[in-house]
Amino acid sequence: MKALMCHAFGPISELRLEQVEDPVPGPGQVVVAIHACSLNFPDALIVQGLYQVRPPLPFAPGAEFAGVVEQLGEGVQGLRVGQRVAVFAGHGGLAERCAVDASRVLPLPDEMDFAQGAAFGLTYGTALHALRTVGALQPGQTLLVLGAAGGVGLAAVEVGKALGARVIAAASSAERLRLARQHGADATVDYSTQDLRRGVLELTEGRGADLVLDPVGGSYTESALRATAWRGALLVVGFAAGEIPRLPLNLLLLQERRVLGVYWGEALRRDPQGHLRDVRQLLQWFAEARLHPPITERVGLDQARDAIERMAARRVMGKVVVDVRA
């Protein structure tokens, strides 16, 4: 089978499309014939050795994908050969097949195609876990989303609206902000041309945002924290800007603010029942047409490496989906 392989942690450009052996399912595993794999920022980090998790080498990146169950390992129940499924495996999706623990596999709803299934779990799961479980976002509160045209950002815009919040989207261009508005943002701030703190305070009549979702990091984090309301909170989701910020702690003291970490992958492992509750909620919202996976680009497996490089350079919007069998 074909797979985009990482043989050593380092530059994304070192990924190679190769012929490798087909996987064999171990006990409790299934082999999925992959139809679509979406790209997420952790895919770029993991091949460079910059992510929290380092898979054994060699491996194929690609955290989430969708396809058809092809083989069942010993002891697997509740799944069948030929079943359409969505998978969050952490890696392995940029290949024609992947062996994965059955616990990581969910049936794909009839109304969801492979591309939507591949582009759904990680970003919407992260957004709902961050906003509802960690941030305790309440109806009527104001949510500020940084990087609002990225995969997690757009998911947070939609999930925030579904939870009843007023959503302010912040991004680095008018084009990106138009996309955020198309996904439900109530107001926008272009932080490439506007002062982020001032823009948010103007939009909230000086009060500030109750909750900030920050997958960007860098210099924007402190500005966003300064734009939070009394007892507001900032959710640390990631550092797409490439810099882990250092925050002056007096900013927390002066307004009784909070900074909260969000690690969806670890939360999934520690609380699988909570994850299933989130999945049921997200699928209900999808069925109600309240969530729209923002697939902005589709490429073949032979173009996946270049797409990961563009994503790492923050030159893509929404979700890029790799059509593995194109």
C-alpha atoms as a PDB file:
ATOM      1  CA  MET A   1       0.000   0.000   0.000  1.00  0.00           C
ATOM      2  CA  LYS A   2       1.005   3.657  -0.362  1.00  0.00           C
ATOM      3  CA  ALA A   3       1.809   5.734   2.705  1.00  0.00           C
ATOM      4  CA  LEU A   4       3.426   9.098   3.440  1.00  0.00           C
ATOM      5  CA  MET A   5       6.214   8.044   5.804  1.00  0.00           C
ATOM      6  CA  CYS A   6       8.267   9.814   8.449  1.00  0.00           C
ATOM      7  CA  HIS A   7      11.599   8.012   9.093  1.00  0.00           C
ATOM      8  CA  ALA A   8      13.184  10.629  11.376  1.00  0.00           C
ATOM      9  CA  PHE A   9      11.902  13.617  13.312  1.00  0.00           C
ATOM     10  CA  GLY A  10      12.833  16.727  11.370  1.00  0.00           C
ATOM     11  CA  PRO A  11      11.747  18.904   8.456  1.00  0.00           C
ATOM     12  CA  ILE A  12       8.354  18.210   6.903  1.00  0.00           C
ATOM     13  CA  SER A  13      10.092  18.167   3.519  1.00  0.00           C
ATOM     14  CA  GLU A  14      11.696  14.834   4.472  1.00  0.00           C
ATOM     15  CA  LEU A  15       8.350  12.983   4.349  1.00  0.00           C
ATOM     16  CA  ARG A  16       8.276  10.439   1.525  1.00  0.00           C
ATOM     17  CA  LEU A  17       5.417   8.705  -0.286  1.00  0.00           C
ATOM     18  CA  GLU A  18       6.357   5.018  -0.324  1.00  0.00           C
ATOM     19  CA  GLN A  19       5.112   1.489  -0.822  1.00  0.00           C
ATOM     20  CA  VAL A  20       4.885  -0.289   2.550  1.00  0.00           C
ATOM     21  CA  GLU A  21       3.477  -3.553   3.856  1.00  0.00           C
ATOM     22  CA  ASP A  22      -0.247  -3.757   4.519  1.00  0.00           C
ATOM     23  CA  PRO A  23      -1.066  -3.649   8.256  1.00  0.00           C
ATOM     24  CA  VAL A  24      -2.370  -6.674  10.150  1.00  0.00           C
ATOM     25  CA  PRO A  25      -4.804  -6.161  13.042  1.00  0.00           C
ATOM     26  CA  GLY A  26      -3.661  -7.204  16.496  1.00  0.00           C
ATOM     27  CA  PRO A  27      -6.034  -8.219  19.301  1.00  0.00           C
ATOM     28  CA  GLY A  28      -8.625  -5.505  19.846  1.00  0.00           C
ATOM     29  CA  GLN A  29      -7.711  -3.761  16.593  1.00  0.00           C
ATOM     30  CA  VAL A  30      -9.302  -3.247  13.197  1.00  0.00           C
ATOM     31  CA  VAL A  31      -7.788  -2.451   9.821  1.00  0.00           C
ATOM     32  CA  VAL A  32      -9.500   0.495   8.133  1.00  0.00           C
ATOM     33  CA  ALA A  33      -9.276   1.101   4.391  1.00  0.00           C
ATOM     34  CA  ILE A  34      -8.840   4.879   4.429  1.00  0.00           C
ATOM     35  CA  HIS A  35     -10.798   7.079   2.043  1.00  0.00           C
ATOM     36  CA  ALA A  36     -10.140  10.540   3.484  1.00  0.00           C
ATOM     37  CA  CYS A  37      -7.725  12.002   6.031  1.00  0.00           C
ATOM     38  CA  SER A  38      -7.896  15.583   7.263  1.00  0.00           C
ATOM     39  CA  LEU A  39      -4.831  17.626   8.184  1.00  0.00           C
ATOM     40  CA  ASN A  40      -4.461  19.228  11.598  1.00  0.00           C
ATOM     41  CA  PHE A  41      -1.718  21.388  13.069  1.00  0.00           C
ATOM     42  CA  PRO A  42      -0.456  18.557  15.325  1.00  0.00           C
ATOM     43  CA  ASP A  43       0.356  16.593  12.149  1.00  0.00           C
ATOM     44  CA  ALA A  44       2.969  19.232  11.317  1.00  0.00           C
ATOM     45  CA  LEU A  45       4.354  19.231  14.857  1.00  0.00           C
ATOM     46  CA  ILE A  46       4.533  15.463  15.280  1.00  0.00           C
ATOM     47  CA  VAL A  47       6.785  14.862  12.256  1.00  0.00           C
ATOM     48  CA  GLN A  48       9.170  17.555  13.511  1.00  0.00           C
ATOM     49  CA  GLY A  49       9.356  16.021  16.979  1.00  0.00           C
ATOM     50  CA  LEU A  50       7.677  19.089  18.473  1.00  0.00           C
ATOM     51  CA  TYR A  51       4.491  17.455  19.748  1.00  0.00           C
ATOM     52  CA  GLN A  52       3.723  16.016  23.194  1.00  0.00           C
ATOM     53  CA  VAL A  53       3.640  12.502  21.701  1.00  0.00           C
ATOM     54  CA  ARG A  54       6.358  10.853  19.604  1.00  0.00           C
ATOM     55  CA  PRO A  55       5.222   7.706  17.759  1.00  0.00           C
ATOM     56  CA  PRO A  56       7.748   4.916  17.132  1.00  0.00           C
ATOM     57  CA  LEU A  57       9.619   5.441  13.865  1.00  0.00           C
ATOM     58  CA  PRO A  58       8.837   5.029  11.053  1.00  0.00           C
ATOM     59  CA  PHE A  59       5.211   6.139  10.958  1.00  0.00           C
ATOM     60  CA  ALA A  60       2.683   7.882   8.743  1.00  0.00           C
ATOM     61  CA  PRO A  61       1.235  11.135  10.105  1.00  0.00           C
ATOM     62  CA  GLY A  62      -2.479  11.860   9.909  1.00  0.00           C
ATOM     63  CA  ALA A  63      -4.357  11.970  13.205  1.00  0.00           C
ATOM     64  CA  GLU A  64      -7.933  11.563  11.989  1.00  0.00           C
ATOM     65  CA  PHE A  65      -9.478   9.836   9.023  1.00  0.00           C
ATOM     66  CA  ALA A  66     -12.529   8.048   7.702  1.00  0.00           C
ATOM     67  CA  GLY A  67     -12.972   4.882   5.709  1.00  0.00           C
ATOM     68  CA  VAL A  68     -14.305   1.327   5.748  1.00  0.00           C
ATOM     69  CA  VAL A  69     -13.525  -1.491   8.164  1.00  0.00           C
ATOM     70  CA  GLU A  70     -11.577  -4.108   6.216  1.00  0.00           C
ATOM     71  CA  GLN A  71     -10.428  -6.594   8.897  1.00  0.00           C
ATOM     72  CA  LEU A  72     -11.289  -7.340  12.520  1.00  0.00           C
ATOM     73  CA  GLY A  73      -8.730  -8.401  15.099  1.00  0.00           C
ATOM     74  CA  GLU A  74      -9.338 -10.939  17.821  1.00  0.00           C
ATOM     75  CA  GLY A  75     -11.952  -9.897  20.366  1.00  0.00           C
ATOM     76  CA  VAL A  76     -13.385  -6.930  18.475  1.00  0.00           C
ATOM     77  CA  GLN A  77     -17.112  -6.492  18.971  1.00  0.00           C
ATOM     78  CA  GLY A  78     -19.580  -3.850  17.843  1.00  0.00           C
ATOM     79  CA  LEU A  79     -17.921  -3.298  14.457  1.00  0.00           C
ATOM     80  CA  ARG A  80     -18.241  -5.234  11.221  1.00  0.00           C
ATOM     81  CA  VAL A  81     -16.329  -5.616   7.979  1.00  0.00           C
ATOM     82  CA  GLY A  82     -17.631  -3.147   5.395  1.00  0.00           C
ATOM     83  CA  GLN A  83     -18.812  -0.622   7.989  1.00  0.00           C
ATOM     84  CA  ARG A  84     -18.180   3.084   7.342  1.00  0.00           C
ATOM     85  CA  VAL A  85     -16.247   4.612  10.243  1.00  0.00           C
ATOM     86  CA  ALA A  86     -14.472   7.715  11.490  1.00  0.00           C
ATOM     87  CA  VAL A  87     -11.206   7.289  13.393  1.00  0.00           C
ATOM     88  CA  PHE A  88      -9.024   9.357  15.695  1.00  0.00           C
ATOM     89  CA  ALA A  89      -5.773   7.407  15.822  1.00  0.00           C
ATOM     90  CA  GLY A  90      -3.202  10.136  16.534  1.00  0.00           C
ATOM     91  CA  HIS A  91      -1.199   9.114  13.459  1.00  0.00           C
ATOM     92  CA  GLY A  92      -1.331   6.654  10.563  1.00  0.00           C
ATOM     93  CA  GLY A  93      -4.015   8.313   8.460  1.00  0.00           C
ATOM     94  CA  LEU A  94      -1.901   9.372   5.484  1.00  0.00           C
ATOM     95  CA  ALA A  95      -1.864   5.858   4.110  1.00  0.00           C
ATOM     96  CA  GLU A  96      -4.218   3.576   2.235  1.00  0.00           C
ATOM     97  CA  ARG A  97      -4.792   1.413   5.335  1.00  0.00           C
ATOM     98  CA  CYS A  98      -4.251   1.672   9.076  1.00  0.00           C
ATOM     99  CA  ALA A  99      -4.481  -0.788  11.971  1.00  0.00           C
ATOM    100  CA  VAL A 100      -6.019   0.979  14.957  1.00  0.00           C
ATOM    101  CA  ASP A 101      -7.497   0.106  18.349  1.00  0.00           C
ATOM    102  CA  ALA A 102     -11.224  -0.472  18.016  1.00  0.00           C
ATOM    103  CA  SER A 103     -11.802   1.981  20.883  1.00  0.00           C
ATOM    104  CA  ARG A 104     -10.650   4.754  18.541  1.00  0.00           C
ATOM    105  CA  VAL A 105     -13.262   3.903  15.904  1.00  0.00           C
ATOM    106  CA  LEU A 106     -16.792   5.288  15.662  1.00  0.00           C
ATOM    107  CA  PRO A 107     -19.527   4.450  13.135  1.00  0.00           C
ATOM    108  CA  LEU A 108     -19.933   7.152  10.514  1.00  0.00           C
ATOM    109  CA  PRO A 109     -23.504   8.506  10.343  1.00  0.00           C
ATOM    110  CA  ASP A 110     -25.292   7.913   7.041  1.00  0.00           C
ATOM    111  CA  GLU A 111     -25.628  11.656   6.428  1.00  0.00           C
ATOM    112  CA  MET A 112     -21.869  12.262   6.787  1.00  0.00           C
ATOM    113  CA  ASP A 113     -19.520  11.548   3.874  1.00  0.00           C
ATOM    114  CA  PHE A 114     -15.920  10.409   4.262  1.00  0.00           C
ATOM    115  CA  ALA A 115     -14.439  13.894   3.925  1.00  0.00           C
ATOM    116  CA  GLN A 116     -16.783  15.311   6.551  1.00  0.00           C
ATOM    117  CA  GLY A 117     -16.091  12.364   8.837  1.00  0.00           C
ATOM    118  CA  ALA A 118     -12.349  12.889   8.510  1.00  0.00           C
ATOM    119  CA  ALA A 119     -12.656  16.618   9.207  1.00  0.00           C
ATOM    120  CA  PHE A 120     -14.965  16.386  12.211  1.00  0.00           C
ATOM    121  CA  GLY A 121     -13.602  14.741  15.330  1.00  0.00           C
ATOM    122  CA  LEU A 122     -10.426  16.519  16.379  1.00  0.00           C
ATOM    123  CA  THR A 123     -11.417  20.138  15.817  1.00  0.00           C
ATOM    124  CA  TYR A 124     -15.020  19.939  17.032  1.00  0.00           C
ATOM    125  CA  GLY A 125     -14.045  17.602  19.861  1.00  0.00           C
ATOM    126  CA  THR A 126     -11.347  20.033  20.980  1.00  0.00           C
ATOM    127  CA  ALA A 127     -13.706  22.994  20.710  1.00  0.00           C
ATOM    128  CA  LEU A 128     -16.536  21.446  22.722  1.00  0.00           C
ATOM    129  CA  HIS A 129     -14.201  20.037  25.382  1.00  0.00           C
ATOM    130  CA  ALA A 130     -12.469  23.415  25.682  1.00  0.00           C
ATOM    131  CA  LEU A 131     -15.555  25.595  25.777  1.00  0.00           C
ATOM    132  CA  ARG A 132     -17.980  23.461  27.785  1.00  0.00           C
ATOM    133  CA  THR A 133     -15.866  21.191  29.992  1.00  0.00           C
ATOM    134  CA  VAL A 134     -12.819  23.369  30.664  1.00  0.00           C
ATOM    135  CA  GLY A 135     -14.158  26.891  30.111  1.00  0.00           C
ATOM    136  CA  ALA A 136     -17.736  26.380  31.350  1.00  0.00           C
ATOM    137  CA  LEU A 137     -19.052  28.766  28.678  1.00  0.00           C
ATOM    138  CA  GLN A 138     -22.598  29.930  29.461  1.00  0.00           C
ATOM    139  CA  PRO A 139     -25.390  31.201  27.182  1.00  0.00           C
ATOM    140  CA  GLY A 140     -25.183  34.950  26.753  1.00  0.00           C
ATOM    141  CA  GLN A 141     -21.472  35.179  27.513  1.00  0.00           C
ATOM    142  CA  THR A 142     -18.957  36.655  25.072  1.00  0.00           C
ATOM    143  CA  LEU A 143     -16.408  34.302  23.519  1.00  0.00           C
ATOM    144  CA  LEU A 144     -13.292  35.577  21.737  1.00  0.00           C
ATOM    145  CA  VAL A 145     -11.723  33.098  19.288  1.00  0.00           C
ATOM    146  CA  LEU A 146      -8.168  33.688  18.071  1.00  0.00           C
ATOM    147  CA  GLY A 147      -7.048  32.102  14.804  1.00  0.00           C
ATOM    148  CA  ALA A 148     -10.724  32.007  13.930  1.00  0.00           C
ATOM    149  CA  ALA A 149     -10.215  30.852  10.327  1.00  0.00           C
ATOM    150  CA  GLY A 150      -8.223  27.750  11.264  1.00  0.00           C
ATOM    151  CA  GLY A 151      -9.696  24.315  11.852  1.00  0.00           C
ATOM    152  CA  VAL A 152     -10.048  24.601  15.632  1.00  0.00           C
ATOM    153  CA  GLY A 153     -10.941  28.286  15.378  1.00  0.00           C
ATOM    154  CA  LEU A 154     -13.855  27.768  13.005  1.00  0.00           C
ATOM    155  CA  ALA A 155     -15.064  24.812  15.054  1.00  0.00           C
ATOM    156  CA  ALA A 156     -14.967  27.014  18.168  1.00  0.00           C
ATOM    157  CA  VAL A 157     -16.991  29.704  16.405  1.00  0.00           C
ATOM    158  CA  GLU A 158     -19.731  27.197  15.558  1.00  0.00           C
ATOM    159  CA  VAL A 159     -19.650  25.394  18.906  1.00  0.00           C
ATOM    160  CA  GLY A 160     -19.682  28.719  20.744  1.00  0.00           C
ATOM    161  CA  LYS A 161     -22.808  29.745  18.861  1.00  0.00           C
ATOM    162  CA  ALA A 162     -24.413  26.354  19.541  1.00  0.00           C
ATOM    163  CA  LEU A 163     -23.752  26.911  23.265  1.00  0.00           C
ATOM    164  CA  GLY A 164     -25.504  30.272  23.099  1.00  0.00           C
ATOM    165  CA  ALA A 165     -22.529  32.631  23.247  1.00  0.00           C
ATOM    166  CA  ARG A 166     -21.858  35.851  21.399  1.00  0.00           C
ATOM    167  CA  VAL A 167     -18.748  35.101  19.344  1.00  0.00           C
ATOM    168  CA  ILE A 168     -16.030  37.571  18.376  1.00  0.00           C
ATOM    169  CA  ALA A 169     -13.682  36.121  15.760  1.00  0.00           C
ATOM    170  CA  ALA A 170     -10.104  37.392  15.525  1.00  0.00           C
ATOM    171  CA  ALA A 171      -7.851  36.591  12.585  1.00  0.00           C
ATOM    172  CA  SER A 172      -5.125  38.102  10.423  1.00  0.00           C
ATOM    173  CA  SER A 173      -6.933  39.142   7.229  1.00  0.00           C
ATOM    174  CA  ALA A 174     -10.268  40.278   5.870  1.00  0.00           C
ATOM    175  CA  GLU A 175     -10.550  37.034   3.869  1.00  0.00           C
ATOM    176  CA  ARG A 176     -10.144  34.939   7.003  1.00  0.00           C
ATOM    177  CA  LEU A 177     -12.679  37.003   8.882  1.00  0.00           C
ATOM    178  CA  ARG A 178     -15.207  36.628   6.058  1.00  0.00           C
ATOM    179  CA  LEU A 179     -14.882  32.863   6.449  1.00  0.00           C
ATOM    180  CA  ALA A 180     -15.432  33.172  10.210  1.00  0.00           C
ATOM    181  CA  ARG A 181     -18.580  35.233   9.622  1.00  0.00           C
ATOM    182  CA  GLN A 182     -19.851  32.580   7.205  1.00  0.00           C
ATOM    183  CA  HIS A 183     -19.565  30.100  10.084  1.00  0.00           C
ATOM    184  CA  GLY A 184     -21.542  32.271  12.484  1.00  0.00           C
ATOM    185  CA  ALA A 185     -19.224  34.848  14.077  1.00  0.00           C
ATOM    186  CA  ASP A 186     -21.163  37.864  15.388  1.00  0.00           C
ATOM    187  CA  ALA A 187     -18.280  40.339  15.206  1.00  0.00           C
ATOM    188  CA  THR A 188     -14.656  40.347  14.067  1.00  0.00           C
ATOM    189  CA  VAL A 189     -11.262  41.879  14.819  1.00  0.00           C
ATOM    190  CA  ASP A 190      -8.446  41.913  12.251  1.00  0.00           C
ATOM    191  CA  TYR A 191      -5.372  41.759  14.462  1.00  0.00           C
ATOM    192  CA  SER A 192      -3.059  42.446  11.517  1.00  0.00           C
ATOM    193  CA  THR A 193      -4.464  45.985  11.255  1.00  0.00           C
ATOM    194  CA  GLN A 194      -6.216  46.573  14.615  1.00  0.00           C
ATOM    195  CA  ASP A 195      -5.124  46.537  18.234  1.00  0.00           C
ATOM    196  CA  LEU A 196      -6.664  43.306  19.514  1.00  0.00           C
ATOM    197  CA  ARG A 197      -7.352  44.465  23.059  1.00  0.00           C
ATOM    198  CA  ARG A 198      -8.839  47.762  21.970  1.00  0.00           C
ATOM    199  CA  GLY A 199     -10.981  46.116  19.299  1.00  0.00           C
ATOM    200  CA  VAL A 200     -12.464  43.613  21.757  1.00  0.00           C
ATOM    201  CA  LEU A 201     -13.138  46.277  24.392  1.00  0.00           C
ATOM    202  CA  GLU A 202     -14.905  48.434  21.807  1.00  0.00           C
ATOM    203  CA  LEU A 203     -17.086  45.506  20.754  1.00  0.00           C
ATOM    204  CA  THR A 204     -18.008  44.748  24.378  1.00  0.00           C
ATOM    205  CA  GLU A 205     -18.587  48.343  25.557  1.00  0.00           C
ATOM    206  CA  GLY A 206     -15.441  48.194  27.655  1.00  0.00           C
ATOM    207  CA  ARG A 207     -16.333  45.007  29.524  1.00  0.00           C
ATOM    208  CA  GLY A 208     -14.120  42.498  27.702  1.00  0.00           C
ATOM    209  CA  ALA A 209     -14.621  38.856  26.718  1.00  0.00           C
ATOM    210  CA  ASP A 210     -15.755  36.279  29.265  1.00  0.00           C
ATOM    211  CA  LEU A 211     -13.757  33.517  27.615  1.00  0.00           C
ATOM    212  CA  VAL A 212     -10.902  33.423  25.088  1.00  0.00           C
ATOM    213  CA  LEU A 213      -9.983  30.365  23.031  1.00  0.00           C
ATOM    214  CA  ASP A 214      -6.351  30.672  21.942  1.00  0.00           C
ATOM    215  CA  PRO A 215      -4.811  28.131  19.534  1.00  0.00           C
ATOM    216  CA  VAL A 216      -2.297  30.726  18.281  1.00  0.00           C
ATOM    217  CA  GLY A 217       0.010  31.837  21.104  1.00  0.00           C
ATOM    218  CA  GLY A 218       2.808  34.296  20.441  1.00  0.00           C
ATOM    219  CA  SER A 219       2.208  37.984  21.055  1.00  0.00           C
ATOM    220  CA  TYR A 220      -1.560  37.650  20.646  1.00  0.00           C
ATOM    221  CA  THR A 221      -2.012  35.763  23.922  1.00  0.00           C
ATOM    222  CA  GLU A 222      -1.140  38.645  26.226  1.00  0.00           C
ATOM    223  CA  SER A 223      -3.296  41.066  24.220  1.00  0.00           C
ATOM    224  CA  ALA A 224      -6.210  38.650  24.409  1.00  0.00           C
ATOM    225  CA  LEU A 225      -5.745  38.159  28.146  1.00  0.00           C
ATOM    226  CA  ARG A 226      -5.792  41.932  28.611  1.00  0.00           C
ATOM    227  CA  ALA A 227      -9.101  41.957  26.726  1.00  0.00           C
ATOM    228  CA  THR A 228     -10.872  39.576  29.122  1.00  0.00           C
ATOM    229  CA  ALA A 229     -13.538  40.698  31.559  1.00  0.00           C
ATOM    230  CA  TRP A 230     -13.502  40.545  35.370  1.00  0.00           C
ATOM    231  CA  ARG A 231     -12.986  36.869  36.254  1.00  0.00           C
ATOM    232  CA  GLY A 232     -12.639  36.039  32.580  1.00  0.00           C
ATOM    233  CA  ALA A 233     -10.585  33.069  31.407  1.00  0.00           C
ATOM    234  CA  LEU A 234      -8.127  32.284  28.635  1.00  0.00           C
ATOM    235  CA  LEU A 235      -8.006  28.746  27.214  1.00  0.00           C
ATOM    236  CA  VAL A 236      -4.555  27.684  26.025  1.00  0.00           C
ATOM    237  CA  VAL A 237      -5.115  25.291  23.107  1.00  0.00           C
ATOM    238  CA  GLY A 238      -1.909  25.560  21.085  1.00  0.00           C
ATOM    239  CA  PHE A 239       0.870  27.703  19.673  1.00  0.00           C
ATOM    240  CA  ALA A 240       0.349  27.932  15.914  1.00  0.00           C
ATOM    241  CA  ALA A 241       2.334  31.172  15.853  1.00  0.00           C
ATOM    242  CA  GLY A 242       5.382  29.128  16.836  1.00  0.00           C
ATOM    243  CA  GLU A 243       6.064  30.906  20.126  1.00  0.00           C
ATOM    244  CA  ILE A 244       5.018  29.912  23.655  1.00  0.00           C
ATOM    245  CA  PRO A 245       4.129  33.209  25.376  1.00  0.00           C
ATOM    246  CA  ARG A 246       5.280  34.345  28.806  1.00  0.00           C
ATOM    247  CA  LEU A 247       2.462  36.090  30.650  1.00  0.00           C
ATOM    248  CA  PRO A 248       2.807  38.759  33.373  1.00  0.00           C
ATOM    249  CA  LEU A 249       0.992  37.210  36.333  1.00  0.00           C
ATOM    250  CA  ASN A 250      -0.188  40.600  37.580  1.00  0.00           C
ATOM    251  CA  LEU A 251      -2.714  40.485  34.713  1.00  0.00           C
ATOM    252  CA  LEU A 252      -4.375  37.568  36.506  1.00  0.00           C
ATOM    253  CA  LEU A 253      -4.367  39.280  39.881  1.00  0.00           C
ATOM    254  CA  LEU A 254      -5.818  42.610  38.757  1.00  0.00           C
ATOM    255  CA  GLN A 255      -9.007  41.169  37.254  1.00  0.00           C
ATOM    256  CA  GLU A 256      -9.115  37.752  38.963  1.00  0.00           C
ATOM    257  CA  ARG A 257      -8.540  36.202  35.566  1.00  0.00           C
ATOM    258  CA  ARG A 258      -7.757  32.536  34.898  1.00  0.00           C
ATOM    259  CA  VAL A 259      -5.526  30.756  32.391  1.00  0.00           C
ATOM    260  CA  LEU A 260      -6.632  27.174  31.681  1.00  0.00           C
ATOM    261  CA  GLY A 261      -4.907  24.481  29.649  1.00  0.00           C
ATOM    262  CA  VAL A 262      -6.767  22.352  27.095  1.00  0.00           C
ATOM    263  CA  TYR A 263      -5.384  18.927  26.096  1.00  0.00           C
ATOM    264  CA  TRP A 264      -8.203  17.106  24.317  1.00  0.00           C
ATOM    265  CA  GLY A 265      -6.202  13.996  23.452  1.00  0.00           C
ATOM    266  CA  GLU A 266      -5.295  13.328  27.090  1.00  0.00           C
ATOM    267  CA  ALA A 267      -8.835  14.140  28.240  1.00  0.00           C
ATOM    268  CA  LEU A 268     -10.139  11.574  25.756  1.00  0.00           C
ATOM    269  CA  ARG A 269      -7.895   8.935  27.331  1.00  0.00           C
ATOM    270  CA  ARG A 270      -8.776   9.862  30.922  1.00  0.00           C
ATOM    271  CA  ASP A 271     -12.518  10.320  30.411  1.00  0.00           C
ATOM    272  CA  PRO A 272     -13.745   8.197  27.479  1.00  0.00           C
ATOM    273  CA  GLN A 273     -17.363   8.434  28.653  1.00  0.00           C
ATOM    274  CA  GLY A 274     -17.159  12.215  28.653  1.00  0.00           C
ATOM    275  CA  HIS A 275     -15.772  12.033  25.130  1.00  0.00           C
ATOM    276  CA  LEU A 276     -18.691   9.880  24.001  1.00  0.00           C
ATOM    277  CA  ARG A 277     -21.134  12.409  25.480  1.00  0.00           C
ATOM    278  CA  ASP A 278     -19.401  15.143  23.508  1.00  0.00           C
ATOM    279  CA  VAL A 279     -19.531  13.050  20.326  1.00  0.00           C
ATOM    280  CA  ARG A 280     -23.274  12.493  20.730  1.00  0.00           C
ATOM    281  CA  GLN A 281     -23.812  16.221  21.226  1.00  0.00           C
ATOM    282  CA  LEU A 282     -21.702  17.137  18.205  1.00  0.00           C
ATOM    283  CA  LEU A 283     -23.459  14.607  15.957  1.00  0.00           C
ATOM    284  CA  GLN A 284     -26.825  15.979  17.061  1.00  0.00           C
ATOM    285  CA  TRP A 285     -25.731  19.498  16.150  1.00  0.00           C
ATOM    286  CA  PHE A 286     -24.423  18.217  12.802  1.00  0.00           C
ATOM    287  CA  ALA A 287     -27.784  16.556  12.084  1.00  0.00           C
ATOM    288  CA  GLU A 288     -29.462  19.872  12.938  1.00  0.00           C
ATOM    289  CA  ALA A 289     -27.169  21.645  10.415  1.00  0.00           C
ATOM    290  CA  ARG A 290     -25.588  23.732  13.161  1.00  0.00           C
ATOM    291  CA  LEU A 291     -22.086  22.443  12.417  1.00  0.00           C
ATOM    292  CA  HIS A 292     -20.496  22.595   8.968  1.00  0.00           C
ATOM    293  CA  PRO A 293     -17.004  21.064   8.702  1.00  0.00           C
ATOM    294  CA  PRO A 294     -15.035  23.819   6.928  1.00  0.00           C
ATOM    295  CA  ILE A 295     -13.400  21.802   4.135  1.00  0.00           C
ATOM    296  CA  THR A 296     -11.656  24.471   2.078  1.00  0.00           C
ATOM    297  CA  GLU A 297      -9.289  22.310   0.038  1.00  0.00           C
ATOM    298  CA  ARG A 298      -8.972  18.703  -1.134  1.00  0.00           C
ATOM    299  CA  VAL A 299      -5.681  17.179  -2.299  1.00  0.00           C
ATOM    300  CA  GLY A 300      -4.328  13.767  -3.219  1.00  0.00           C
ATOM    301  CA  LEU A 301      -1.937  11.695  -1.125  1.00  0.00           C
ATOM    302  CA  ASP A 302       0.915  12.799  -3.380  1.00  0.00           C
ATOM    303  CA  GLN A 303       0.191  16.437  -2.452  1.00  0.00           C
ATOM    304  CA  ALA A 304      -0.189  15.884   1.286  1.00  0.00           C
ATOM    305  CA  ARG A 305       3.399  16.775   2.222  1.00  0.00           C
ATOM    306  CA  ASP A 306       3.162  20.166   0.531  1.00  0.00           C
ATOM    307  CA  ALA A 307      -0.205  20.787   2.199  1.00  0.00           C
ATOM    308  CA  ILE A 308       1.295  20.029   5.633  1.00  0.00           C
ATOM    309  CA  GLU A 309       4.093  22.515   4.932  1.00  0.00           C
ATOM    310  CA  ARG A 310       1.568  25.194   3.951  1.00  0.00           C
ATOM    311  CA  MET A 311      -0.471  24.473   7.057  1.00  0.00           C
ATOM    312  CA  ALA A 312       2.623  24.773   9.262  1.00  0.00           C
ATOM    313  CA  ALA A 313       3.324  28.152   7.647  1.00  0.00           C
ATOM    314  CA  ARG A 314      -0.292  29.205   8.377  1.00  0.00           C
ATOM    315  CA  ARG A 315      -1.072  29.555   4.681  1.00  0.00           C
ATOM    316  CA  VAL A 316      -4.308  27.543   4.745  1.00  0.00           C
ATOM    317  CA  MET A 317      -7.777  28.270   6.065  1.00  0.00           C
ATOM    318  CA  GLY A 318     -10.319  25.813   7.440  1.00  0.00           C
ATOM    319  CA  LYS A 319      -9.596  22.134   6.879  1.00  0.00           C
ATOM    320  CA  VAL A 320      -7.535  20.465   4.163  1.00  0.00           C
ATOM    321  CA  VAL A 321      -8.735  16.932   3.401  1.00  0.00           C
ATOM    322  CA  VAL A 322      -6.548  14.355   1.650  1.00  0.00           C
ATOM    323  CA  ASP A 323      -8.487  12.104  -0.729  1.00  0.00           C
ATOM    324  CA  VAL A 324      -6.365   9.023  -0.116  1.00  0.00           C
ATOM    325  CA  ARG A 325      -7.886   6.978  -2.938  1.00  0.00           C
ATOM    326  CA  ALA A 326      -7.994   9.740  -5.565  1.00  0.00           C
END
